[in-house]
């Protein structure tokens, strides 16, 4: 996956995330959208992985390494960056 593919994937994920959040804001307070919340969590994790992969690729390129050697890291590793 090259940088352009990653950026396109990020755009697609952000669009879906925005749509789900807008739908959640317009829903009635007594209606719980469990599937939407689960999907939002998945989107956030996918986005974190995409951003991490993009940063890895750019760092490798900056330091003269092959950006294609960058690999997506597991969600558990990417999510731990927040802590």
N, C-alpha and C. Protein backbone atom coordinates (compact mmCIF):
# COMPACT_ATOMS: atom_id res chain seq x y z
N UNK A 1 0.86 -1.17 0.00
CA UNK A 1 0.00 0.00 0.00
C UNK A 1 0.91 1.23 0.00
N UNK A 2 0.79 2.07 -1.02
CA UNK A 2 1.63 3.27 -1.07
C UNK A 2 0.93 4.43 -0.36
N UNK A 3 1.63 5.56 -0.28
CA UNK A 3 1.12 6.71 0.46
C UNK A 3 -0.24 7.18 -0.06
N UNK A 4 -0.38 7.18 -1.38
CA UNK A 4 -1.65 7.61 -1.97
C UNK A 4 -2.80 6.69 -1.55
N UNK A 5 -2.53 5.38 -1.54
CA UNK A 5 -3.55 4.41 -1.11
C UNK A 5 -3.93 4.62 0.35
N UNK A 6 -2.92 4.86 1.17
CA UNK A 6 -3.18 5.07 2.60
C UNK A 6 -4.01 6.33 2.81
N UNK A 7 -3.66 7.40 2.11
CA UNK A 7 -4.42 8.65 2.26
C UNK A 7 -5.86 8.48 1.76
N UNK A 8 -6.06 7.71 0.70
CA UNK A 8 -7.41 7.45 0.21
C UNK A 8 -8.20 6.64 1.24
N UNK A 9 -7.54 5.66 1.85
CA UNK A 9 -8.18 4.84 2.88
C UNK A 9 -8.57 5.72 4.08
N UNK A 10 -7.68 6.62 4.47
CA UNK A 10 -7.97 7.53 5.58
C UNK A 10 -9.18 8.39 5.25
N UNK A 11 -9.24 8.92 4.04
CA UNK A 11 -10.37 9.75 3.62
C UNK A 11 -11.68 8.96 3.70
N UNK A 12 -11.66 7.74 3.22
CA UNK A 12 -12.86 6.89 3.24
C UNK A 12 -13.30 6.62 4.68
N UNK A 13 -12.35 6.30 5.55
CA UNK A 13 -12.67 6.02 6.95
C UNK A 13 -13.20 7.26 7.65
N UNK A 14 -12.59 8.41 7.40
CA UNK A 14 -13.04 9.66 8.03
C UNK A 14 -14.45 10.01 7.57
N UNK A 15 -14.74 9.81 6.29
CA UNK A 15 -16.09 10.08 5.78
C UNK A 15 -17.12 9.20 6.48
N UNK A 16 -16.80 7.92 6.63
CA UNK A 16 -17.73 7.02 7.30
C UNK A 16 -17.88 7.40 8.77
N UNK A 17 -16.78 7.76 9.41
CA UNK A 17 -16.83 8.16 10.81
C UNK A 17 -17.72 9.39 10.99
N UNK A 18 -17.54 10.37 10.13
CA UNK A 18 -18.33 11.60 10.19
C UNK A 18 -19.82 11.28 10.02
N UNK A 19 -20.13 10.42 9.08
CA UNK A 19 -21.52 10.05 8.84
C UNK A 19 -22.14 9.37 10.06
N UNK A 20 -21.40 8.46 10.67
CA UNK A 20 -21.92 7.78 11.86
C UNK A 20 -22.10 8.75 13.03
N UNK A 21 -21.17 9.66 13.21
CA UNK A 21 -21.28 10.63 14.31
C UNK A 21 -22.46 11.57 14.09
N UNK A 22 -22.65 12.00 12.85
CA UNK A 22 -23.80 12.87 12.56
C UNK A 22 -25.11 12.14 12.78
N UNK A 23 -25.16 10.89 12.39
CA UNK A 23 -26.37 10.10 12.59
C UNK A 23 -26.64 9.93 14.08
N UNK A 24 -25.57 9.73 14.87
CA UNK A 24 -25.72 9.58 16.31
C UNK A 24 -26.20 10.85 16.98
N UNK A 25 -25.73 12.00 16.49
CA UNK A 25 -26.15 13.28 17.06
C UNK A 25 -27.61 13.58 16.77
N UNK A 26 -28.12 13.10 15.65
CA UNK A 26 -29.50 13.39 15.29
C UNK A 26 -30.48 12.36 15.84
N UNK A 27 -29.97 11.30 16.46
CA UNK A 27 -30.84 10.25 17.00
C UNK A 27 -31.48 10.71 18.31
N UNK A 28 -32.57 10.09 18.64
CA UNK A 28 -33.24 10.42 19.89
C UNK A 28 -32.39 9.92 21.06
N UNK A 29 -32.42 10.62 22.20
CA UNK A 29 -31.58 10.28 23.34
C UNK A 29 -31.85 8.88 23.91
N UNK A 30 -33.07 8.38 23.75
CA UNK A 30 -33.41 7.08 24.33
C UNK A 30 -33.06 5.92 23.39
N UNK A 31 -32.53 6.21 22.22
CA UNK A 31 -32.19 5.16 21.27
C UNK A 31 -30.68 4.95 21.24
N UNK A 32 -30.25 3.79 21.69
CA UNK A 32 -28.83 3.48 21.76
C UNK A 32 -28.40 2.76 20.48
N UNK A 33 -27.40 3.29 19.81
CA UNK A 33 -26.91 2.71 18.56
C UNK A 33 -25.65 1.88 18.84
N UNK A 34 -25.83 0.71 19.44
CA UNK A 34 -24.69 -0.14 19.77
C UNK A 34 -23.89 -0.50 18.53
N UNK A 35 -24.54 -0.93 17.43
CA UNK A 35 -23.74 -1.25 16.24
C UNK A 35 -22.92 -0.05 15.74
N UNK A 36 -23.49 1.14 15.83
CA UNK A 36 -22.76 2.34 15.40
C UNK A 36 -21.57 2.60 16.31
N UNK A 37 -21.75 2.42 17.61
CA UNK A 37 -20.63 2.63 18.55
C UNK A 37 -19.51 1.63 18.30
N UNK A 38 -19.89 0.39 18.02
CA UNK A 38 -18.88 -0.64 17.74
C UNK A 38 -18.15 -0.29 16.45
N UNK A 39 -18.89 0.13 15.43
CA UNK A 39 -18.26 0.49 14.16
C UNK A 39 -17.37 1.71 14.33
N UNK A 40 -17.79 2.69 15.13
CA UNK A 40 -16.95 3.87 15.38
C UNK A 40 -15.63 3.47 16.03
N UNK A 41 -15.69 2.54 16.96
CA UNK A 41 -14.45 2.08 17.60
C UNK A 41 -13.55 1.42 16.56
N UNK A 42 -14.14 0.60 15.69
CA UNK A 42 -13.34 -0.05 14.64
C UNK A 42 -12.73 0.99 13.70
N UNK A 43 -13.51 2.00 13.36
CA UNK A 43 -13.01 3.07 12.48
C UNK A 43 -11.84 3.80 13.12
N UNK A 44 -11.97 4.11 14.41
CA UNK A 44 -10.90 4.80 15.12
C UNK A 44 -9.62 3.96 15.13
N UNK A 45 -9.78 2.66 15.36
CA UNK A 45 -8.62 1.77 15.37
C UNK A 45 -7.99 1.69 13.97
N UNK A 46 -8.84 1.56 12.94
CA UNK A 46 -8.32 1.51 11.57
C UNK A 46 -7.59 2.80 11.20
N UNK A 47 -8.16 3.92 11.63
CA UNK A 47 -7.52 5.21 11.36
C UNK A 47 -6.17 5.30 12.06
N UNK A 48 -6.12 4.87 13.30
CA UNK A 48 -4.84 4.90 14.03
C UNK A 48 -3.79 4.06 13.31
N UNK A 49 -4.20 2.91 12.81
CA UNK A 49 -3.25 2.05 12.09
C UNK A 49 -2.80 2.71 10.79
N UNK A 50 -3.73 3.31 10.07
CA UNK A 50 -3.38 3.98 8.82
C UNK A 50 -2.42 5.14 9.06
N UNK A 51 -2.71 5.98 10.05
CA UNK A 51 -1.84 7.11 10.36
C UNK A 51 -0.46 6.62 10.78
N UNK A 52 -0.42 5.55 11.57
CA UNK A 52 0.85 4.99 12.00
C UNK A 52 1.65 4.48 10.80
N UNK A 53 1.00 3.77 9.90
CA UNK A 53 1.67 3.26 8.71
C UNK A 53 2.19 4.41 7.84
N UNK A 54 1.38 5.44 7.71
CA UNK A 54 1.81 6.61 6.92
C UNK A 54 3.04 7.26 7.55
N UNK A 55 3.03 7.42 8.87
CA UNK A 55 4.19 8.00 9.57
C UNK A 55 5.43 7.13 9.39
N UNK A 56 5.25 5.82 9.49
CA UNK A 56 6.38 4.90 9.28
C UNK A 56 6.96 5.06 7.89
N UNK A 57 6.09 5.09 6.88
CA UNK A 57 6.55 5.20 5.49
C UNK A 57 7.32 6.50 5.28
N UNK A 58 6.77 7.59 5.81
CA UNK A 58 7.42 8.89 5.64
C UNK A 58 8.76 8.94 6.36
N UNK A 59 8.84 8.34 7.54
CA UNK A 59 10.10 8.31 8.28
C UNK A 59 11.15 7.49 7.54
N UNK A 60 10.74 6.34 7.02
CA UNK A 60 11.68 5.52 6.27
C UNK A 60 12.20 6.26 5.04
N UNK A 61 11.30 6.93 4.35
CA UNK A 61 11.70 7.69 3.16
C UNK A 61 12.67 8.81 3.55
N UNK A 62 12.36 9.52 4.64
CA UNK A 62 13.18 10.63 5.10
C UNK A 62 14.60 10.17 5.43
N UNK A 63 14.73 8.96 5.95
CA UNK A 63 16.04 8.47 6.37
C UNK A 63 16.67 7.51 5.36
N UNK A 64 16.19 7.58 4.11
CA UNK A 64 16.81 6.83 3.03
C UNK A 64 16.51 5.35 3.01
N UNK A 65 15.50 4.94 3.75
CA UNK A 65 15.10 3.54 3.75
C UNK A 65 13.94 3.34 2.78
N UNK A 66 13.63 2.10 2.50
CA UNK A 66 12.54 1.78 1.59
C UNK A 66 11.20 1.89 2.32
N UNK A 67 10.33 2.82 1.91
CA UNK A 67 9.03 2.97 2.57
C UNK A 67 8.15 1.72 2.45
N UNK A 68 8.41 0.91 1.42
CA UNK A 68 7.62 -0.31 1.25
C UNK A 68 7.92 -1.36 2.32
N UNK A 69 8.97 -1.14 3.10
CA UNK A 69 9.28 -2.05 4.20
C UNK A 69 8.42 -1.77 5.43
N UNK A 70 7.71 -0.67 5.45
CA UNK A 70 6.83 -0.35 6.57
C UNK A 70 5.66 -1.33 6.58
N UNK A 71 5.27 -1.73 7.76
CA UNK A 71 4.16 -2.67 7.90
C UNK A 71 3.16 -2.14 8.92
N UNK A 72 1.90 -2.45 8.67
CA UNK A 72 0.86 -2.07 9.62
C UNK A 72 1.09 -2.83 10.92
N UNK A 73 1.05 -2.09 12.02
CA UNK A 73 1.24 -2.71 13.32
C UNK A 73 -0.13 -3.08 13.90
N UNK A 74 -0.14 -4.04 14.82
CA UNK A 74 -1.41 -4.44 15.43
C UNK A 74 -2.06 -3.28 16.20
N UNK A 75 -3.36 -3.34 16.26
CA UNK A 75 -4.12 -2.29 16.96
C UNK A 75 -3.62 -2.14 18.39
N UNK A 76 -3.34 -3.25 19.05
CA UNK A 76 -2.89 -3.19 20.45
C UNK A 76 -1.62 -2.36 20.58
N UNK A 77 -0.74 -2.45 19.63
CA UNK A 77 0.51 -1.68 19.69
C UNK A 77 0.25 -0.22 19.35
N UNK A 78 -0.55 0.04 18.36
CA UNK A 78 -0.83 1.42 17.95
C UNK A 78 -1.65 2.13 19.01
N UNK A 79 -2.61 1.45 19.59
CA UNK A 79 -3.45 2.06 20.62
C UNK A 79 -2.66 2.36 21.89
N UNK A 80 -1.64 1.59 22.18
CA UNK A 80 -0.85 1.82 23.38
C UNK A 80 -0.11 3.14 23.34
N UNK A 81 0.04 3.74 22.15
CA UNK A 81 0.73 5.01 22.04
C UNK A 81 -0.02 6.09 22.81
N UNK A 82 -1.31 5.92 22.98
CA UNK A 82 -2.14 6.94 23.65
C UNK A 82 -1.87 6.98 25.14
N UNK A 83 -1.40 5.87 25.69
CA UNK A 83 -1.21 5.78 27.15
C UNK A 83 0.14 6.27 27.58
